[in-house]
Amino acid sequence: WSQTYGGTENDLAYSVEQTTDGGFIIAGYTESFGDGGSDAWLVKTDVNGVEEWSQTYGEVVNDRDEALSVQQTSDGGFILAGSDNYSIDGGVFDYNVLLIKTDSNGVQEWDRSYGEWGSDVAYSVQQTIDGGFILGGQTRSYSDTYQGDVLLIKTDSNGDDEWIRTFGSTSADIAFSVQQTANGGYIVAGQTYQ
């Protein structure tokens, strides 16, 4: 089977995972629904891909919020990571890492933003064995170079950051995937420019 979701504007999915009930959870962004601009978007389907519900996340009109990674959490809810883009002087867009926790119906429980003056984004999120979360992506806020470094953020169960690490060289470095390993550490995969 195949299914389509969305409206009359641009709608895109970046991440999908099977849920414990056999259905699927899909994360991305939508311009068809929400509060204007583009909002982070979560769609829950049954085992045949038939939509059961969808939720949007974002508050500022004409700004761009995206969910780039989603995972079902141990409490049956969902964790989404991506970017929260906002306009600054001159119409230039900057963005921070965005983390959203929802209940099992996609209703937002809390959200967190990480980053400073530069552009920061999370491409991957996973719940850790202590109930917190690990995020992997790219940062310019915490980088010594404008090109950006690999970003790794560890949070507690409420999304409050416990530590932030960066890895990289003088060229651009990005983490697209992160997982916790059997020894309690983390494995990161991505891209480096030579």
C-alpha atoms as a PDB file:
ATOM      1  CA  TRP A   1       0.000   0.000   0.000  1.00  0.00           C
ATOM      2  CA  SER A   2       0.936   3.666  -0.203  1.00  0.00           C
ATOM      3  CA  GLN A   3      -0.633   6.727   1.370  1.00  0.00           C
ATOM      4  CA  THR A   4      -0.317  10.473   0.944  1.00  0.00           C
ATOM      5  CA  TYR A   5      -0.774  13.123   3.619  1.00  0.00           C
ATOM      6  CA  GLY A   6      -1.029  16.866   3.422  1.00  0.00           C
ATOM      7  CA  GLY A   7      -2.927  19.729   1.865  1.00  0.00           C
ATOM      8  CA  THR A   8      -2.496  22.253  -0.912  1.00  0.00           C
ATOM      9  CA  GLU A   9       0.929  23.581   0.117  1.00  0.00           C
ATOM     10  CA  ASN A  10       4.364  22.010   0.631  1.00  0.00           C
ATOM     11  CA  ASP A  11       4.367  19.147   3.153  1.00  0.00           C
ATOM     12  CA  LEU A  12       7.387  16.908   3.747  1.00  0.00           C
ATOM     13  CA  ALA A  13       8.365  13.957   5.945  1.00  0.00           C
ATOM     14  CA  TYR A  14      11.934  13.458   7.186  1.00  0.00           C
ATOM     15  CA  SER A  15      11.522  10.582   9.646  1.00  0.00           C
ATOM     16  CA  VAL A  16       9.285   7.536  10.208  1.00  0.00           C
ATOM     17  CA  GLU A  17       9.156   4.793  12.823  1.00  0.00           C
ATOM     18  CA  GLN A  18       6.841   1.893  13.556  1.00  0.00           C
ATOM     19  CA  THR A  19       4.942   2.325  16.821  1.00  0.00           C
ATOM     20  CA  THR A  20       4.196  -0.277  19.469  1.00  0.00           C
ATOM     21  CA  ASP A  21       0.621  -0.710  18.193  1.00  0.00           C
ATOM     22  CA  GLY A  22       1.908  -1.707  14.729  1.00  0.00           C
ATOM     23  CA  GLY A  23       1.135   1.654  13.145  1.00  0.00           C
ATOM     24  CA  PHE A  24       3.579   4.380  12.173  1.00  0.00           C
ATOM     25  CA  ILE A  25       4.651   7.830  13.317  1.00  0.00           C
ATOM     26  CA  ILE A  26       5.829  10.323  10.692  1.00  0.00           C
ATOM     27  CA  ALA A  27       7.632  13.622  11.359  1.00  0.00           C
ATOM     28  CA  GLY A  28       8.444  16.547   9.099  1.00  0.00           C
ATOM     29  CA  TYR A  29       6.984  19.943   8.366  1.00  0.00           C
ATOM     30  CA  THR A  30       3.797  21.328   6.860  1.00  0.00           C
ATOM     31  CA  GLU A  31       2.869  24.548   5.120  1.00  0.00           C
ATOM     32  CA  SER A  32      -0.747  23.404   4.639  1.00  0.00           C
ATOM     33  CA  PHE A  33      -1.692  23.346   8.317  1.00  0.00           C
ATOM     34  CA  GLY A  34      -0.684  25.117  11.515  1.00  0.00           C
ATOM     35  CA  ASP A  35      -0.117  28.755  12.372  1.00  0.00           C
ATOM     36  CA  GLY A  36       1.467  29.967   9.151  1.00  0.00           C
ATOM     37  CA  GLY A  37       4.878  29.735   7.542  1.00  0.00           C
ATOM     38  CA  SER A  38       5.886  26.134   8.102  1.00  0.00           C
ATOM     39  CA  ASP A  39       5.317  24.179  11.289  1.00  0.00           C
ATOM     40  CA  ALA A  40       6.793  20.966  12.639  1.00  0.00           C
ATOM     41  CA  TRP A  41       4.327  18.195  11.801  1.00  0.00           C
ATOM     42  CA  LEU A  42       3.560  14.812  13.351  1.00  0.00           C
ATOM     43  CA  VAL A  43       1.257  12.239  11.716  1.00  0.00           C
ATOM     44  CA  LYS A  44       0.144   8.991  13.368  1.00  0.00           C
ATOM     45  CA  THR A  45      -1.227   6.184  11.189  1.00  0.00           C
ATOM     46  CA  ASP A  46      -2.610   2.708  11.699  1.00  0.00           C
ATOM     47  CA  VAL A  47      -0.938  -0.458  10.392  1.00  0.00           C
ATOM     48  CA  ASN A  48      -2.252   0.275   6.876  1.00  0.00           C
ATOM     49  CA  GLY A  49      -0.993   3.854   6.837  1.00  0.00           C
ATOM     50  CA  VAL A  50      -4.446   5.362   7.345  1.00  0.00           C
ATOM     51  CA  GLU A  51      -4.101   8.630   9.259  1.00  0.00           C
ATOM     52  CA  GLU A  52      -5.359   8.494  12.841  1.00  0.00           C
ATOM     53  CA  TRP A  53      -4.335  12.000  13.867  1.00  0.00           C
ATOM     54  CA  SER A  54      -1.896  14.793  13.077  1.00  0.00           C
ATOM     55  CA  GLN A  55      -0.477  17.635  15.125  1.00  0.00           C
ATOM     56  CA  THR A  56       1.474  20.771  14.257  1.00  0.00           C
ATOM     57  CA  TYR A  57       3.979  22.655  16.404  1.00  0.00           C
ATOM     58  CA  GLY A  58       5.010  26.262  15.887  1.00  0.00           C
ATOM     59  CA  GLU A  59       3.749  29.649  16.929  1.00  0.00           C
ATOM     60  CA  VAL A  60       5.291  32.441  14.883  1.00  0.00           C
ATOM     61  CA  VAL A  61       3.765  33.234  11.499  1.00  0.00           C
ATOM     62  CA  ASN A  62       6.237  33.095   8.565  1.00  0.00           C
ATOM     63  CA  ASP A  63       8.897  31.297  10.587  1.00  0.00           C
ATOM     64  CA  ARG A  64      10.009  27.755   9.847  1.00  0.00           C
ATOM     65  CA  ASP A  65       9.858  24.895  12.341  1.00  0.00           C
ATOM     66  CA  GLU A  66      10.892  21.418  11.231  1.00  0.00           C
ATOM     67  CA  ALA A  67      10.916  17.985  12.852  1.00  0.00           C
ATOM     68  CA  LEU A  68      13.791  16.010  11.349  1.00  0.00           C
ATOM     69  CA  SER A  69      13.721  12.976  13.669  1.00  0.00           C
ATOM     70  CA  VAL A  70      11.055  11.189  15.722  1.00  0.00           C
ATOM     71  CA  GLN A  71      11.024   8.276  18.148  1.00  0.00           C
ATOM     72  CA  GLN A  72       8.355   6.742  20.341  1.00  0.00           C
ATOM     73  CA  THR A  73       9.310   7.101  23.997  1.00  0.00           C
ATOM     74  CA  SER A  74       9.031   4.575  26.816  1.00  0.00           C
ATOM     75  CA  ASP A  75       5.850   6.228  28.129  1.00  0.00           C
ATOM     76  CA  GLY A  76       4.088   5.812  24.765  1.00  0.00           C
ATOM     77  CA  GLY A  77       4.578   9.421  23.755  1.00  0.00           C
ATOM     78  CA  PHE A  78       6.943  10.837  21.153  1.00  0.00           C
ATOM     79  CA  ILE A  79      10.138  12.870  21.033  1.00  0.00           C
ATOM     80  CA  LEU A  80      10.826  15.124  18.028  1.00  0.00           C
ATOM     81  CA  ALA A  81      14.034  16.954  17.178  1.00  0.00           C
ATOM     82  CA  GLY A  82      14.821  19.424  14.438  1.00  0.00           C
ATOM     83  CA  SER A  83      15.137  23.165  14.116  1.00  0.00           C
ATOM     84  CA  ASP A  84      13.242  26.264  15.136  1.00  0.00           C
ATOM     85  CA  ASN A  85      13.961  28.911  12.516  1.00  0.00           C
ATOM     86  CA  TYR A  86      13.284  32.574  13.113  1.00  0.00           C
ATOM     87  CA  SER A  87      13.872  35.784  11.177  1.00  0.00           C
ATOM     88  CA  ILE A  88      16.404  38.334  12.363  1.00  0.00           C
ATOM     89  CA  ASP A  89      17.408  41.782  11.058  1.00  0.00           C
ATOM     90  CA  GLY A  90      17.265  42.180   7.303  1.00  0.00           C
ATOM     91  CA  GLY A  91      15.083  39.118   6.790  1.00  0.00           C
ATOM     92  CA  VAL A  92      18.007  36.756   7.368  1.00  0.00           C
ATOM     93  CA  PHE A  93      16.989  33.467   8.984  1.00  0.00           C
ATOM     94  CA  ASP A  94      18.769  31.921  11.935  1.00  0.00           C
ATOM     95  CA  TYR A  95      17.805  28.696  13.670  1.00  0.00           C
ATOM     96  CA  ASN A  96      18.191  26.796  16.912  1.00  0.00           C
ATOM     97  CA  VAL A  97      17.900  23.118  17.813  1.00  0.00           C
ATOM     98  CA  LEU A  98      14.287  22.277  18.647  1.00  0.00           C
ATOM     99  CA  LEU A  99      13.219  19.403  20.928  1.00  0.00           C
ATOM    100  CA  ILE A 100       9.520  18.599  21.513  1.00  0.00           C
ATOM    101  CA  LYS A 101       8.018  15.966  23.795  1.00  0.00           C
ATOM    102  CA  THR A 102       4.410  14.874  23.231  1.00  0.00           C
ATOM    103  CA  ASP A 103       1.973  12.452  24.795  1.00  0.00           C
ATOM    104  CA  SER A 104       0.608   9.407  22.953  1.00  0.00           C
ATOM    105  CA  ASN A 105      -1.865  11.608  21.038  1.00  0.00           C
ATOM    106  CA  GLY A 106       0.778  14.057  19.893  1.00  0.00           C
ATOM    107  CA  VAL A 107      -0.276  16.747  22.363  1.00  0.00           C
ATOM    108  CA  GLN A 108       2.800  18.785  23.288  1.00  0.00           C
ATOM    109  CA  GLU A 109       4.008  18.331  26.861  1.00  0.00           C
ATOM    110  CA  TRP A 110       7.083  20.548  26.614  1.00  0.00           C
ATOM    111  CA  ASP A 111       9.600  21.982  24.173  1.00  0.00           C
ATOM    112  CA  ARG A 112      13.202  23.093  24.460  1.00  0.00           C
ATOM    113  CA  SER A 113      15.488  25.183  22.267  1.00  0.00           C
ATOM    114  CA  TYR A 114      19.293  24.998  22.237  1.00  0.00           C
ATOM    115  CA  GLY A 115      21.750  27.363  20.593  1.00  0.00           C
ATOM    116  CA  GLU A 116      22.948  30.925  20.671  1.00  0.00           C
ATOM    117  CA  TRP A 117      23.774  33.376  17.899  1.00  0.00           C
ATOM    118  CA  GLY A 118      24.553  30.865  15.154  1.00  0.00           C
ATOM    119  CA  SER A 119      22.670  28.233  13.221  1.00  0.00           C
ATOM    120  CA  ASP A 120      22.091  24.965  15.080  1.00  0.00           C
ATOM    121  CA  VAL A 121      20.053  21.935  14.051  1.00  0.00           C
ATOM    122  CA  ALA A 122      19.401  18.384  15.286  1.00  0.00           C
ATOM    123  CA  TYR A 123      19.052  15.643  12.683  1.00  0.00           C
ATOM    124  CA  SER A 124      18.703  12.713  15.091  1.00  0.00           C
ATOM    125  CA  VAL A 125      17.237  12.040  18.542  1.00  0.00           C
ATOM    126  CA  GLN A 126      16.979   8.940  20.721  1.00  0.00           C
ATOM    127  CA  GLN A 127      15.819   8.253  24.230  1.00  0.00           C
ATOM    128  CA  THR A 128      18.671   7.096  26.464  1.00  0.00           C
ATOM    129  CA  ILE A 129      18.632   4.329  29.063  1.00  0.00           C
ATOM    130  CA  ASP A 130      18.362   6.877  31.900  1.00  0.00           C
ATOM    131  CA  GLY A 131      15.156   8.307  30.392  1.00  0.00           C
ATOM    132  CA  GLY A 132      16.865  11.364  28.934  1.00  0.00           C
ATOM    133  CA  PHE A 133      17.641  12.104  25.309  1.00  0.00           C
ATOM    134  CA  ILE A 134      20.659  12.318  23.014  1.00  0.00           C
ATOM    135  CA  LEU A 135      20.611  14.648  20.011  1.00  0.00           C
ATOM    136  CA  GLY A 136      23.014  14.752  17.084  1.00  0.00           C
ATOM    137  CA  GLY A 137      23.328  17.512  14.518  1.00  0.00           C
ATOM    138  CA  GLN A 138      25.383  20.542  13.579  1.00  0.00           C
ATOM    139  CA  THR A 139      26.271  23.761  15.381  1.00  0.00           C
ATOM    140  CA  ARG A 140      27.703  27.137  14.473  1.00  0.00           C
ATOM    141  CA  SER A 141      26.930  28.662  17.892  1.00  0.00           C
ATOM    142  CA  TYR A 142      29.414  26.412  19.690  1.00  0.00           C
ATOM    143  CA  SER A 143      31.877  26.043  16.802  1.00  0.00           C
ATOM    144  CA  ASP A 144      35.270  27.679  16.336  1.00  0.00           C
ATOM    145  CA  THR A 145      34.571  27.931  12.614  1.00  0.00           C
ATOM    146  CA  TYR A 146      31.640  29.375  10.678  1.00  0.00           C
ATOM    147  CA  GLN A 147      31.506  26.135   8.688  1.00  0.00           C
ATOM    148  CA  GLY A 148      30.001  24.325  11.688  1.00  0.00           C
ATOM    149  CA  ASP A 149      30.883  21.302  13.830  1.00  0.00           C
ATOM    150  CA  VAL A 150      29.195  18.080  14.846  1.00  0.00           C
ATOM    151  CA  LEU A 151      26.843  18.792  17.748  1.00  0.00           C
ATOM    152  CA  LEU A 152      25.983  16.288  20.474  1.00  0.00           C
ATOM    153  CA  ILE A 153      23.525  17.267  23.242  1.00  0.00           C
ATOM    154  CA  LYS A 154      22.579  15.095  26.211  1.00  0.00           C
ATOM    155  CA  THR A 155      19.442  16.061  28.129  1.00  0.00           C
ATOM    156  CA  ASP A 156      17.536  14.767  31.122  1.00  0.00           C
ATOM    157  CA  SER A 157      13.974  13.450  30.880  1.00  0.00           C
ATOM    158  CA  ASN A 158      12.614  17.018  30.890  1.00  0.00           C
ATOM    159  CA  GLY A 159      14.814  18.155  28.021  1.00  0.00           C
ATOM    160  CA  ASP A 160      17.148  20.228  30.173  1.00  0.00           C
ATOM    161  CA  ASP A 161      20.672  19.927  28.804  1.00  0.00           C
ATOM    162  CA  GLU A 162      23.192  18.012  30.916  1.00  0.00           C
ATOM    163  CA  TRP A 163      26.111  18.538  28.562  1.00  0.00           C
ATOM    164  CA  ILE A 164      26.952  19.726  25.055  1.00  0.00           C
ATOM    165  CA  ARG A 165      29.887  18.447  22.988  1.00  0.00           C
ATOM    166  CA  THR A 166      31.238  19.451  19.591  1.00  0.00           C
ATOM    167  CA  PHE A 167      33.550  17.589  17.225  1.00  0.00           C
ATOM    168  CA  GLY A 168      35.112  18.813  14.042  1.00  0.00           C
ATOM    169  CA  SER A 169      37.897  20.381  12.053  1.00  0.00           C
ATOM    170  CA  THR A 170      38.268  23.633  10.146  1.00  0.00           C
ATOM    171  CA  SER A 171      35.764  22.426   7.532  1.00  0.00           C
ATOM    172  CA  ALA A 172      32.059  21.668   7.904  1.00  0.00           C
ATOM    173  CA  ASP A 173      31.153  18.609   9.989  1.00  0.00           C
ATOM    174  CA  ILE A 174      27.617  17.249  10.500  1.00  0.00           C
ATOM    175  CA  ALA A 175      26.074  14.400  12.507  1.00  0.00           C
ATOM    176  CA  PHE A 176      23.066  12.833  10.814  1.00  0.00           C
ATOM    177  CA  SER A 177      22.568   9.901  13.202  1.00  0.00           C
ATOM    178  CA  VAL A 178      23.299   9.093  16.839  1.00  0.00           C
ATOM    179  CA  GLN A 179      22.689   5.996  18.966  1.00  0.00           C
ATOM    180  CA  GLN A 180      23.523   4.943  22.483  1.00  0.00           C
ATOM    181  CA  THR A 181      25.880   1.971  22.573  1.00  0.00           C
ATOM    182  CA  ALA A 182      25.868  -1.092  24.826  1.00  0.00           C
ATOM    183  CA  ASN A 183      28.574   0.370  27.070  1.00  0.00           C
ATOM    184  CA  GLY A 184      26.552   3.538  27.717  1.00  0.00           C
ATOM    185  CA  GLY A 185      28.465   5.689  25.245  1.00  0.00           C
ATOM    186  CA  TYR A 186      27.313   7.020  21.913  1.00  0.00           C
ATOM    187  CA  ILE A 187      28.030   6.327  18.253  1.00  0.00           C
ATOM    188  CA  VAL A 188      27.677   9.170  15.759  1.00  0.00           C
ATOM    189  CA  ALA A 189      27.649   9.076  11.963  1.00  0.00           C
ATOM    190  CA  GLY A 190      27.576  11.941   9.516  1.00  0.00           C
ATOM    191  CA  GLN A 191      29.676  13.896   7.078  1.00  0.00           C
ATOM    192  CA  THR A 192      32.907  15.862   7.008  1.00  0.00           C
ATOM    193  CA  TYR A 193      34.122  18.130   4.219  1.00  0.00           C
ATOM    194  CA  GLN A 194      37.766  17.853   3.209  1.00  0.00           C
END
